[in-house]
């Protein structure tokens, strides 16, 4: 991410503690959406686009942005192939580097 948020003292839960967004039901699923880190987007840009793409809260979007920044990538959604392609398309609206793949 290009810029850090001002409050570095936030405690962010791990992704394992969040409720599942989708269980990937449907034929050909489950698929995942992966977002990669870059030096162009701010945390706020990523958070707002996550809210738009997957309907998450600000806090969830912040935790995703932190994980992307820390680990270089993050699985942000799991679902059917069509759901994942839709989420990826929304994330690509601001030129985030996104990949969809079949979950292992």
PDB file of N, CA and C in Angstrom:
ATOM      1  N   UNK A   1       0.838  -1.165   0.000  1.00  0.00           N
ATOM      2  CA  UNK A   1       0.000   0.000   0.000  1.00  0.00           C
ATOM      3  C   UNK A   1       0.891   1.239   0.000  1.00  0.00           C
ATOM      4  N   UNK A   2       0.407   2.277  -0.571  1.00  0.00           N
ATOM      5  CA  UNK A   2       1.204   3.473  -0.695  1.00  0.00           C
ATOM      6  C   UNK A   2       1.342   4.248   0.611  1.00  0.00           C
ATOM      7  N   UNK A   3       0.310   4.277   1.419  1.00  0.00           N
ATOM      8  CA  UNK A   3       0.365   5.071   2.650  1.00  0.00           C
ATOM      9  C   UNK A   3      -0.224   4.282   3.809  1.00  0.00           C
ATOM     10  N   UNK A   4       0.351   4.468   4.954  1.00  0.00           N
ATOM     11  CA  UNK A   4      -0.144   3.821   6.165  1.00  0.00           C
ATOM     12  C   UNK A   4      -1.260   4.652   6.762  1.00  0.00           C
ATOM     13  N   UNK A   5      -2.148   3.989   7.504  1.00  0.00           N
ATOM     14  CA  UNK A   5      -3.157   4.742   8.235  1.00  0.00           C
ATOM     15  C   UNK A   5      -2.484   5.417   9.413  1.00  0.00           C
ATOM     16  N   UNK A   6      -3.083   6.470   9.924  1.00  0.00           N
ATOM     17  CA  UNK A   6      -2.467   7.241  10.997  1.00  0.00           C
ATOM     18  C   UNK A   6      -2.380   6.467  12.299  1.00  0.00           C
ATOM     19  N   UNK A   7      -3.405   5.687  12.647  1.00  0.00           N
ATOM     20  CA  UNK A   7      -3.420   4.983  13.920  1.00  0.00           C
ATOM     21  C   UNK A   7      -2.813   3.596  13.741  1.00  0.00           C
ATOM     22  N   UNK A   8      -1.562   3.443  14.137  1.00  0.00           N
ATOM     23  CA  UNK A   8      -0.868   2.175  14.009  1.00  0.00           C
ATOM     24  C   UNK A   8      -1.124   1.254  15.193  1.00  0.00           C
ATOM     25  N   UNK A   9      -1.927   1.673  16.180  1.00  0.00           N
ATOM     26  CA  UNK A   9      -2.150   0.881  17.373  1.00  0.00           C
ATOM     27  C   UNK A   9      -3.381  -0.015  17.283  1.00  0.00           C
ATOM     28  N   UNK A  10      -3.988  -0.143  16.131  1.00  0.00           N
ATOM     29  CA  UNK A  10      -5.178  -0.963  15.982  1.00  0.00           C
ATOM     30  C   UNK A  10      -4.856  -2.435  16.159  1.00  0.00           C
ATOM     31  N   UNK A  11      -5.732  -3.156  16.808  1.00  0.00           N
ATOM     32  CA  UNK A  11      -5.622  -4.599  16.911  1.00  0.00           C
ATOM     33  C   UNK A  11      -6.628  -5.185  15.941  1.00  0.00           C
ATOM     34  N   UNK A  12      -6.131  -5.927  14.976  1.00  0.00           N
ATOM     35  CA  UNK A  12      -6.983  -6.435  13.912  1.00  0.00           C
ATOM     36  C   UNK A  12      -7.067  -7.948  14.033  1.00  0.00           C
ATOM     37  N   UNK A  13      -8.279  -8.498  14.054  1.00  0.00           N
ATOM     38  CA  UNK A  13      -8.415  -9.947  14.168  1.00  0.00           C
ATOM     39  C   UNK A  13      -7.896 -10.640  12.912  1.00  0.00           C
ATOM     40  N   UNK A  14      -7.450 -11.870  13.072  1.00  0.00           N
ATOM     41  CA  UNK A  14      -6.992 -12.630  11.918  1.00  0.00           C
ATOM     42  C   UNK A  14      -8.186 -13.007  11.054  1.00  0.00           C
ATOM     43  N   UNK A  15      -7.928 -13.324   9.795  1.00  0.00           N
ATOM     44  CA  UNK A  15      -9.005 -13.679   8.877  1.00  0.00           C
ATOM     45  C   UNK A  15      -9.772 -14.912   9.339  1.00  0.00           C
ATOM     46  N   UNK A  16      -9.114 -15.804  10.079  1.00  0.00           N
ATOM     47  CA  UNK A  16      -9.778 -17.013  10.547  1.00  0.00           C
ATOM     48  C   UNK A  16     -10.928 -16.692  11.496  1.00  0.00           C
ATOM     49  N   UNK A  17     -10.892 -15.526  12.148  1.00  0.00           N
ATOM     50  CA  UNK A  17     -11.930 -15.152  13.100  1.00  0.00           C
ATOM     51  C   UNK A  17     -13.140 -14.478  12.457  1.00  0.00           C
ATOM     52  N   UNK A  18     -13.103 -14.229  11.161  1.00  0.00           N
ATOM     53  CA  UNK A  18     -14.227 -13.596  10.476  1.00  0.00           C
ATOM     54  C   UNK A  18     -15.204 -14.646  10.002  1.00  0.00           C
ATOM     55  N   UNK A  19     -16.483 -14.295   9.961  1.00  0.00           N
ATOM     56  CA  UNK A  19     -17.446 -15.245   9.411  1.00  0.00           C
ATOM     57  C   UNK A  19     -17.173 -15.455   7.923  1.00  0.00           C
ATOM     58  N   UNK A  20     -17.483 -16.632   7.450  1.00  0.00           N
ATOM     59  CA  UNK A  20     -17.280 -16.939   6.033  1.00  0.00           C
ATOM     60  C   UNK A  20     -18.201 -16.070   5.188  1.00  0.00           C
ATOM     61  N   UNK A  21     -17.647 -15.500   4.092  1.00  0.00           N
ATOM     62  CA  UNK A  21     -18.437 -14.651   3.210  1.00  0.00           C
ATOM     63  C   UNK A  21     -19.297 -15.497   2.281  1.00  0.00           C
ATOM     64  N   UNK A  22     -18.782 -16.658   1.874  1.00  0.00           N
ATOM     65  CA  UNK A  22     -19.500 -17.553   0.987  1.00  0.00           C
ATOM     66  C   UNK A  22     -18.848 -18.912   1.101  1.00  0.00           C
ATOM     67  N   UNK A  23     -19.618 -19.962   0.992  1.00  0.00           N
ATOM     68  CA  UNK A  23     -19.017 -21.280   1.100  1.00  0.00           C
ATOM     69  C   UNK A  23     -18.703 -21.893  -0.251  1.00  0.00           C
ATOM     70  N   UNK A  24     -18.902 -21.143  -1.316  1.00  0.00           N
ATOM     71  CA  UNK A  24     -18.510 -21.619  -2.635  1.00  0.00           C
ATOM     72  C   UNK A  24     -19.438 -22.653  -3.224  1.00  0.00           C
ATOM     73  N   UNK A  25     -20.682 -22.686  -2.805  1.00  0.00           N
ATOM     74  CA  UNK A  25     -21.620 -23.661  -3.355  1.00  0.00           C
ATOM     75  C   UNK A  25     -21.828 -23.457  -4.840  1.00  0.00           C
ATOM     76  N   UNK A  26     -22.423 -24.407  -5.475  1.00  0.00           N
ATOM     77  CA  UNK A  26     -22.683 -24.309  -6.903  1.00  0.00           C
ATOM     78  C   UNK A  26     -21.729 -25.180  -7.686  1.00  0.00           C
ATOM     79  N   UNK A  27     -22.036 -25.397  -8.940  1.00  0.00           N
ATOM     80  CA  UNK A  27     -21.207 -26.271  -9.766  1.00  0.00           C
ATOM     81  C   UNK A  27     -19.902 -25.590 -10.111  1.00  0.00           C
ATOM     82  N   UNK A  28     -18.847 -26.358 -10.120  1.00  0.00           N
ATOM     83  CA  UNK A  28     -17.544 -25.827 -10.490  1.00  0.00           C
ATOM     84  C   UNK A  28     -16.850 -25.050  -9.389  1.00  0.00           C
ATOM     85  N   UNK A  29     -17.469 -24.830  -8.236  1.00  0.00           N
ATOM     86  CA  UNK A  29     -16.862 -24.054  -7.161  1.00  0.00           C
ATOM     87  C   UNK A  29     -16.140 -24.955  -6.207  1.00  0.00           C
ATOM     88  N   UNK A  30     -15.579 -24.476  -5.178  1.00  0.00           N
ATOM     89  CA  UNK A  30     -15.472 -23.053  -4.886  1.00  0.00           C
ATOM     90  C   UNK A  30     -14.265 -22.411  -5.580  1.00  0.00           C
ATOM     91  N   UNK A  31     -14.365 -21.131  -5.776  1.00  0.00           N
ATOM     92  CA  UNK A  31     -13.286 -20.326  -6.341  1.00  0.00           C
ATOM     93  C   UNK A  31     -12.905 -19.274  -5.313  1.00  0.00           C
ATOM     94  N   UNK A  32     -11.764 -18.650  -5.520  1.00  0.00           N
ATOM     95  CA  UNK A  32     -11.298 -17.598  -4.617  1.00  0.00           C
ATOM     96  C   UNK A  32     -10.862 -16.375  -5.417  1.00  0.00           C
ATOM     97  N   UNK A  33     -10.844 -15.237  -4.733  1.00  0.00           N
ATOM     98  CA  UNK A  33     -10.334 -13.987  -5.289  1.00  0.00           C
ATOM     99  C   UNK A  33      -9.138 -13.576  -4.440  1.00  0.00           C
ATOM    100  N   UNK A  34      -8.013 -13.339  -5.102  1.00  0.00           N
ATOM    101  CA  UNK A  34      -6.777 -12.942  -4.436  1.00  0.00           C
ATOM    102  C   UNK A  34      -6.433 -11.525  -4.880  1.00  0.00           C
ATOM    103  N   UNK A  35      -6.096 -10.668  -3.917  1.00  0.00           N
ATOM    104  CA  UNK A  35      -5.654  -9.307  -4.222  1.00  0.00           C
ATOM    105  C   UNK A  35      -4.190  -9.196  -3.811  1.00  0.00           C
ATOM    106  N   UNK A  36      -3.386  -8.590  -4.690  1.00  0.00           N
ATOM    107  CA  UNK A  36      -1.943  -8.447  -4.471  1.00  0.00           C
ATOM    108  C   UNK A  36      -1.592  -7.014  -4.080  1.00  0.00           C
ATOM    109  N   UNK A  37      -0.530  -6.883  -3.311  1.00  0.00           N
ATOM    110  CA  UNK A  37      -0.041  -5.584  -2.873  1.00  0.00           C
ATOM    111  C   UNK A  37       0.553  -4.806  -4.051  1.00  0.00           C
ATOM    112  N   UNK A  38       0.478  -3.508  -3.977  1.00  0.00           N
ATOM    113  CA  UNK A  38       1.147  -2.631  -4.937  1.00  0.00           C
ATOM    114  C   UNK A  38       1.567  -1.352  -4.218  1.00  0.00           C
ATOM    115  N   UNK A  39       2.283  -0.507  -4.920  1.00  0.00           N
ATOM    116  CA  UNK A  39       2.746   0.751  -4.349  1.00  0.00           C
ATOM    117  C   UNK A  39       1.910   1.937  -4.819  1.00  0.00           C
ATOM    118  N   UNK A  40       0.725   1.680  -5.350  1.00  0.00           N
ATOM    119  CA  UNK A  40      -0.067   2.738  -5.966  1.00  0.00           C
ATOM    120  C   UNK A  40      -1.328   3.090  -5.186  1.00  0.00           C
ATOM    121  N   UNK A  41      -1.935   2.124  -4.518  1.00  0.00           N
ATOM    122  CA  UNK A  41      -3.203   2.357  -3.841  1.00  0.00           C
ATOM    123  C   UNK A  41      -3.002   2.598  -2.345  1.00  0.00           C
ATOM    124  N   UNK A  42      -3.765   3.533  -1.817  1.00  0.00           N
ATOM    125  CA  UNK A  42      -3.723   3.792  -0.378  1.00  0.00           C
ATOM    126  C   UNK A  42      -4.609   2.781   0.346  1.00  0.00           C
ATOM    127  N   UNK A  43      -4.440   2.707   1.653  1.00  0.00           N
ATOM    128  CA  UNK A  43      -5.301   1.848   2.452  1.00  0.00           C
ATOM    129  C   UNK A  43      -6.763   2.238   2.245  1.00  0.00           C
ATOM    130  N   UNK A  44      -7.059   3.532   2.286  1.00  0.00           N
ATOM    131  CA  UNK A  44      -8.441   3.980   2.151  1.00  0.00           C
ATOM    132  C   UNK A  44      -9.044   3.577   0.806  1.00  0.00           C
ATOM    133  N   UNK A  45      -8.275   3.663  -0.273  1.00  0.00           N
ATOM    134  CA  UNK A  45      -8.780   3.234  -1.577  1.00  0.00           C
ATOM    135  C   UNK A  45      -9.122   1.750  -1.571  1.00  0.00           C
ATOM    136  N   UNK A  46      -8.243   0.945  -0.991  1.00  0.00           N
ATOM    137  CA  UNK A  46      -8.468  -0.497  -0.947  1.00  0.00           C
ATOM    138  C   UNK A  46      -9.678  -0.811  -0.070  1.00  0.00           C
ATOM    139  N   UNK A  47      -9.767  -0.171   1.081  1.00  0.00           N
ATOM    140  CA  UNK A  47     -10.888  -0.416   1.998  1.00  0.00           C
ATOM    141  C   UNK A  47     -12.221  -0.079   1.329  1.00  0.00           C
ATOM    142  N   UNK A  48     -12.309   1.078   0.705  1.00  0.00           N
ATOM    143  CA  UNK A  48     -13.552   1.482   0.055  1.00  0.00           C
ATOM    144  C   UNK A  48     -13.938   0.529  -1.074  1.00  0.00           C
ATOM    145  N   UNK A  49     -12.950   0.066  -1.832  1.00  0.00           N
ATOM    146  CA  UNK A  49     -13.255  -0.853  -2.930  1.00  0.00           C
ATOM    147  C   UNK A  49     -13.668  -2.224  -2.394  1.00  0.00           C
ATOM    148  N   UNK A  50     -13.077  -2.641  -1.276  1.00  0.00           N
ATOM    149  CA  UNK A  50     -13.492  -3.907  -0.648  1.00  0.00           C
ATOM    150  C   UNK A  50     -14.943  -3.809  -0.181  1.00  0.00           C
ATOM    151  N   UNK A  51     -15.289  -2.678   0.417  1.00  0.00           N
ATOM    152  CA  UNK A  51     -16.668  -2.482   0.853  1.00  0.00           C
ATOM    153  C   UNK A  51     -17.624  -2.577  -0.333  1.00  0.00           C
ATOM    154  N   UNK A  52     -17.230  -1.998  -1.437  1.00  0.00           N
ATOM    155  CA  UNK A  52     -18.065  -2.021  -2.641  1.00  0.00           C
ATOM    156  C   UNK A  52     -18.144  -3.427  -3.228  1.00  0.00           C
ATOM    157  N   UNK A  53     -17.031  -4.139  -3.254  1.00  0.00           N
ATOM    158  CA  UNK A  53     -16.973  -5.439  -3.932  1.00  0.00           C
ATOM    159  C   UNK A  53     -17.584  -6.569  -3.118  1.00  0.00           C
ATOM    160  N   UNK A  54     -17.317  -6.592  -1.801  1.00  0.00           N
ATOM    161  CA  UNK A  54     -17.778  -7.736  -1.005  1.00  0.00           C
ATOM    162  C   UNK A  54     -18.735  -7.336   0.105  1.00  0.00           C
ATOM    163  N   UNK A  55     -19.031  -6.048   0.228  1.00  0.00           N
ATOM    164  CA  UNK A  55     -19.998  -5.596   1.222  1.00  0.00           C
ATOM    165  C   UNK A  55     -19.518  -5.728   2.654  1.00  0.00           C
ATOM    166  N   UNK A  56     -18.222  -5.599   2.870  1.00  0.00           N
ATOM    167  CA  UNK A  56     -17.672  -5.745   4.222  1.00  0.00           C
ATOM    168  C   UNK A  56     -17.733  -4.424   4.978  1.00  0.00           C
ATOM    169  N   UNK A  57     -17.485  -4.500   6.277  1.00  0.00           N
ATOM    170  CA  UNK A  57     -17.419  -3.308   7.111  1.00  0.00           C
ATOM    171  C   UNK A  57     -16.082  -2.606   6.878  1.00  0.00           C
ATOM    172  N   UNK A  58     -15.985  -1.377   7.378  1.00  0.00           N
ATOM    173  CA  UNK A  58     -14.724  -0.649   7.298  1.00  0.00           C
ATOM    174  C   UNK A  58     -13.620  -1.433   8.007  1.00  0.00           C
ATOM    175  N   UNK A  59     -13.921  -1.966   9.192  1.00  0.00           N
ATOM    176  CA  UNK A  59     -12.922  -2.691   9.982  1.00  0.00           C
ATOM    177  C   UNK A  59     -12.429  -3.934   9.256  1.00  0.00           C
ATOM    178  N   UNK A  60     -13.345  -4.658   8.630  1.00  0.00           N
ATOM    179  CA  UNK A  60     -12.968  -5.848   7.858  1.00  0.00           C
ATOM    180  C   UNK A  60     -12.104  -5.438   6.665  1.00  0.00           C
ATOM    181  N   UNK A  61     -12.501  -4.372   5.976  1.00  0.00           N
ATOM    182  CA  UNK A  61     -11.710  -3.873   4.851  1.00  0.00           C
ATOM    183  C   UNK A  61     -10.319  -3.441   5.277  1.00  0.00           C
ATOM    184  N   UNK A  62     -10.227  -2.811   6.456  1.00  0.00           N
ATOM    185  CA  UNK A  62      -8.926  -2.402   6.983  1.00  0.00           C
ATOM    186  C   UNK A  62      -8.060  -3.624   7.266  1.00  0.00           C
ATOM    187  N   UNK A  63      -8.640  -4.638   7.870  1.00  0.00           N
ATOM    188  CA  UNK A  63      -7.880  -5.855   8.169  1.00  0.00           C
ATOM    189  C   UNK A  63      -7.386  -6.525   6.886  1.00  0.00           C
ATOM    190  N   UNK A  64      -8.209  -6.523   5.844  1.00  0.00           N
ATOM    191  CA  UNK A  64      -7.793  -7.070   4.553  1.00  0.00           C
ATOM    192  C   UNK A  64      -6.627  -6.248   4.003  1.00  0.00           C
ATOM    193  N   UNK A  65      -6.756  -4.918   4.036  1.00  0.00           N
ATOM    194  CA  UNK A  65      -5.696  -4.044   3.518  1.00  0.00           C
ATOM    195  C   UNK A  65      -4.388  -4.265   4.268  1.00  0.00           C
ATOM    196  N   UNK A  66      -4.469  -4.423   5.577  1.00  0.00           N
ATOM    197  CA  UNK A  66      -3.267  -4.672   6.381  1.00  0.00           C
ATOM    198  C   UNK A  66      -2.627  -6.001   5.986  1.00  0.00           C
ATOM    199  N   UNK A  67      -3.456  -7.036   5.800  1.00  0.00           N
ATOM    200  CA  UNK A  67      -2.906  -8.338   5.411  1.00  0.00           C
ATOM    201  C   UNK A  67      -2.268  -8.277   4.022  1.00  0.00           C
ATOM    202  N   UNK A  68      -2.889  -7.579   3.091  1.00  0.00           N
ATOM    203  CA  UNK A  68      -2.311  -7.416   1.754  1.00  0.00           C
ATOM    204  C   UNK A  68      -0.958  -6.731   1.865  1.00  0.00           C
ATOM    205  N   UNK A  69      -0.896  -5.667   2.662  1.00  0.00           N
ATOM    206  CA  UNK A  69       0.349  -4.919   2.833  1.00  0.00           C
ATOM    207  C   UNK A  69       1.424  -5.773   3.516  1.00  0.00           C
ATOM    208  N   UNK A  70       1.038  -6.510   4.533  1.00  0.00           N
ATOM    209  CA  UNK A  70       1.981  -7.308   5.320  1.00  0.00           C
ATOM    210  C   UNK A  70       2.480  -8.543   4.559  1.00  0.00           C
ATOM    211  N   UNK A  71       1.544  -9.265   3.913  1.00  0.00           N
ATOM    212  CA  UNK A  71       1.882 -10.551   3.301  1.00  0.00           C
ATOM    213  C   UNK A  71       2.077 -10.491   1.793  1.00  0.00           C
ATOM    214  N   UNK A  72       1.737  -9.360   1.186  1.00  0.00           N
ATOM    215  CA  UNK A  72       1.892  -9.232  -0.265  1.00  0.00           C
ATOM    216  C   UNK A  72       0.671  -9.675  -1.047  1.00  0.00           C
ATOM    217  N   UNK A  73      -0.256 -10.342  -0.373  1.00  0.00           N
ATOM    218  CA  UNK A  73      -1.495 -10.779  -1.024  1.00  0.00           C
ATOM    219  C   UNK A  73      -2.472 -11.249   0.044  1.00  0.00           C
ATOM    220  N   UNK A  74      -3.738 -11.397  -0.368  1.00  0.00           N
ATOM    221  CA  UNK A  74      -4.764 -11.855   0.568  1.00  0.00           C
ATOM    222  C   UNK A  74      -5.918 -12.452  -0.230  1.00  0.00           C
ATOM    223  N   UNK A  75      -6.426 -13.586   0.231  1.00  0.00           N
ATOM    224  CA  UNK A  75      -7.669 -14.119  -0.320  1.00  0.00           C
ATOM    225  C   UNK A  75      -8.795 -13.308   0.306  1.00  0.00           C
ATOM    226  N   UNK A  76      -9.551 -12.611  -0.533  1.00  0.00           N
ATOM    227  CA  UNK A  76     -10.562 -11.686  -0.015  1.00  0.00           C
ATOM    228  C   UNK A  76     -11.988 -12.189  -0.179  1.00  0.00           C
ATOM    229  N   UNK A  77     -12.180 -13.255  -0.958  1.00  0.00           N
ATOM    230  CA  UNK A  77     -13.529 -13.753  -1.192  1.00  0.00           C
ATOM    231  C   UNK A  77     -13.448 -15.183  -1.685  1.00  0.00           C
ATOM    232  N   UNK A  78     -14.449 -15.985  -1.321  1.00  0.00           N
ATOM    233  CA  UNK A  78     -14.602 -17.345  -1.834  1.00  0.00           C
ATOM    234  C   UNK A  78     -16.050 -17.531  -2.245  1.00  0.00           C
ATOM    235  N   UNK A  79     -16.265 -18.172  -3.366  1.00  0.00           N
ATOM    236  CA  UNK A  79     -17.625 -18.388  -3.845  1.00  0.00           C
ATOM    237  C   UNK A  79     -17.619 -19.137  -5.151  1.00  0.00           C
ATOM    238  N   UNK A  80     -18.719 -19.063  -5.858  1.00  0.00           N
ATOM    239  CA  UNK A  80     -18.802 -19.698  -7.170  1.00  0.00           C
ATOM    240  C   UNK A  80     -17.913 -18.924  -8.147  1.00  0.00           C
ATOM    241  N   UNK A  81     -17.676 -19.514  -9.295  1.00  0.00           N
ATOM    242  CA  UNK A  81     -16.856 -18.834 -10.294  1.00  0.00           C
ATOM    243  C   UNK A  81     -17.485 -17.509 -10.712  1.00  0.00           C
ATOM    244  N   UNK A  82     -18.790 -17.489 -10.930  1.00  0.00           N
ATOM    245  CA  UNK A  82     -19.465 -16.247 -11.331  1.00  0.00           C
ATOM    246  C   UNK A  82     -19.372 -15.178 -10.247  1.00  0.00           C
ATOM    247  N   UNK A  83     -19.582 -15.564  -8.982  1.00  0.00           N
ATOM    248  CA  UNK A  83     -19.462 -14.608  -7.878  1.00  0.00           C
ATOM    249  C   UNK A  83     -18.058 -14.030  -7.817  1.00  0.00           C
ATOM    250  N   UNK A  84     -17.063 -14.902  -7.951  1.00  0.00           N
ATOM    251  CA  UNK A  84     -15.672 -14.444  -7.873  1.00  0.00           C
ATOM    252  C   UNK A  84     -15.299 -13.540  -9.034  1.00  0.00           C
ATOM    253  N   UNK A  85     -15.772 -13.864 -10.213  1.00  0.00           N
ATOM    254  CA  UNK A  85     -15.491 -12.998 -11.372  1.00  0.00           C
ATOM    255  C   UNK A  85     -16.132 -11.629 -11.193  1.00  0.00           C
ATOM    256  N   UNK A  86     -17.321 -11.592 -10.592  1.00  0.00           N
ATOM    257  CA  UNK A  86     -17.980 -10.309 -10.333  1.00  0.00           C
ATOM    258  C   UNK A  86     -17.193  -9.490  -9.308  1.00  0.00           C
ATOM    259  N   UNK A  87     -16.793 -10.124  -8.205  1.00  0.00           N
ATOM    260  CA  UNK A  87     -16.006  -9.430  -7.177  1.00  0.00           C
ATOM    261  C   UNK A  87     -14.700  -8.913  -7.781  1.00  0.00           C
ATOM    262  N   UNK A  88     -14.026  -9.743  -8.558  1.00  0.00           N
ATOM    263  CA  UNK A  88     -12.756  -9.345  -9.185  1.00  0.00           C
ATOM    264  C   UNK A  88     -12.960  -8.155 -10.122  1.00  0.00           C
ATOM    265  N   UNK A  89     -14.038  -8.153 -10.868  1.00  0.00           N
ATOM    266  CA  UNK A  89     -14.311  -7.040 -11.786  1.00  0.00           C
ATOM    267  C   UNK A  89     -14.489  -5.735 -11.032  1.00  0.00           C
ATOM    268  N   UNK A  90     -15.189  -5.779  -9.902  1.00  0.00           N
ATOM    269  CA  UNK A  90     -15.381  -4.566  -9.090  1.00  0.00           C
ATOM    270  C   UNK A  90     -14.033  -4.090  -8.542  1.00  0.00           C
ATOM    271  N   UNK A  91     -13.204  -5.011  -8.068  1.00  0.00           N
ATOM    272  CA  UNK A  91     -11.895  -4.629  -7.532  1.00  0.00           C
ATOM    273  C   UNK A  91     -10.991  -4.059  -8.622  1.00  0.00           C
ATOM    274  N   UNK A  92     -11.129  -4.568  -9.834  1.00  0.00           N
ATOM    275  CA  UNK A  92     -10.303  -4.071 -10.956  1.00  0.00           C
ATOM    276  C   UNK A  92     -10.722  -2.684 -11.433  1.00  0.00           C
ATOM    277  N   UNK A  93     -11.898  -2.206 -11.006  1.00  0.00           N
ATOM    278  CA  UNK A  93     -12.345  -0.868 -11.414  1.00  0.00           C
ATOM    279  C   UNK A  93     -11.327   0.201 -11.046  1.00  0.00           C
ATOM    280  N   UNK A  94     -10.573  -0.010  -9.959  1.00  0.00           N
ATOM    281  CA  UNK A  94      -9.549   0.967  -9.575  1.00  0.00           C
ATOM    282  C   UNK A  94      -8.142   0.419  -9.863  1.00  0.00           C
ATOM    283  N   UNK A  95      -8.074  -0.596 -10.701  1.00  0.00           N
ATOM    284  CA  UNK A  95      -6.819  -1.179 -11.178  1.00  0.00           C
ATOM    285  C   UNK A  95      -6.039  -1.910 -10.085  1.00  0.00           C
ATOM    286  N   UNK A  96      -6.754  -2.522  -9.132  1.00  0.00           N
ATOM    287  CA  UNK A  96      -6.085  -3.407  -8.183  1.00  0.00           C
ATOM    288  C   UNK A  96      -5.633  -4.651  -8.944  1.00  0.00           C
ATOM    289  N   UNK A  97      -4.529  -5.221  -8.521  1.00  0.00           N
ATOM    290  CA  UNK A  97      -4.053  -6.456  -9.125  1.00  0.00           C
ATOM    291  C   UNK A  97      -4.797  -7.608  -8.475  1.00  0.00           C
ATOM    292  N   UNK A  98      -5.639  -8.277  -9.253  1.00  0.00           N
ATOM    293  CA  UNK A  98      -6.551  -9.289  -8.740  1.00  0.00           C
ATOM    294  C   UNK A  98      -6.438 -10.546  -9.585  1.00  0.00           C
ATOM    295  N   UNK A  99      -6.613 -11.683  -8.913  1.00  0.00           N
ATOM    296  CA  UNK A  99      -6.598 -12.972  -9.600  1.00  0.00           C
ATOM    297  C   UNK A  99      -7.750 -13.809  -9.056  1.00  0.00           C
ATOM    298  N   UNK A 100      -8.429 -14.540  -9.923  1.00  0.00           N
ATOM    299  CA  UNK A 100      -9.390 -15.542  -9.468  1.00  0.00           C
ATOM    300  C   UNK A 100      -8.780 -16.904  -9.762  1.00  0.00           C
ATOM    301  N   UNK A 101      -9.077 -17.871  -8.918  1.00  0.00           N
ATOM    302  CA  UNK A 101      -8.513 -19.197  -9.088  1.00  0.00           C
ATOM    303  C   UNK A 101      -9.442 -20.202  -8.431  1.00  0.00           C
ATOM    304  N   UNK A 102      -9.353 -21.431  -8.858  1.00  0.00           N
ATOM    305  CA  UNK A 102     -10.121 -22.494  -8.212  1.00  0.00           C
ATOM    306  C   UNK A 102      -9.431 -22.823  -6.893  1.00  0.00           C
ATOM    307  N   UNK A 103     -10.219 -22.901  -5.825  1.00  0.00           N
ATOM    308  CA  UNK A 103      -9.659 -23.225  -4.500  1.00  0.00           C
ATOM    309  C   UNK A 103      -9.182 -24.664  -4.511  1.00  0.00           C
ATOM    310  N   UNK A 104      -8.150 -24.906  -3.750  1.00  0.00           N
ATOM    311  CA  UNK A 104      -7.563 -26.252  -3.701  1.00  0.00           C
ATOM    312  C   UNK A 104      -8.323 -27.100  -2.709  1.00  0.00           C
TER     313      UNK A 104
END
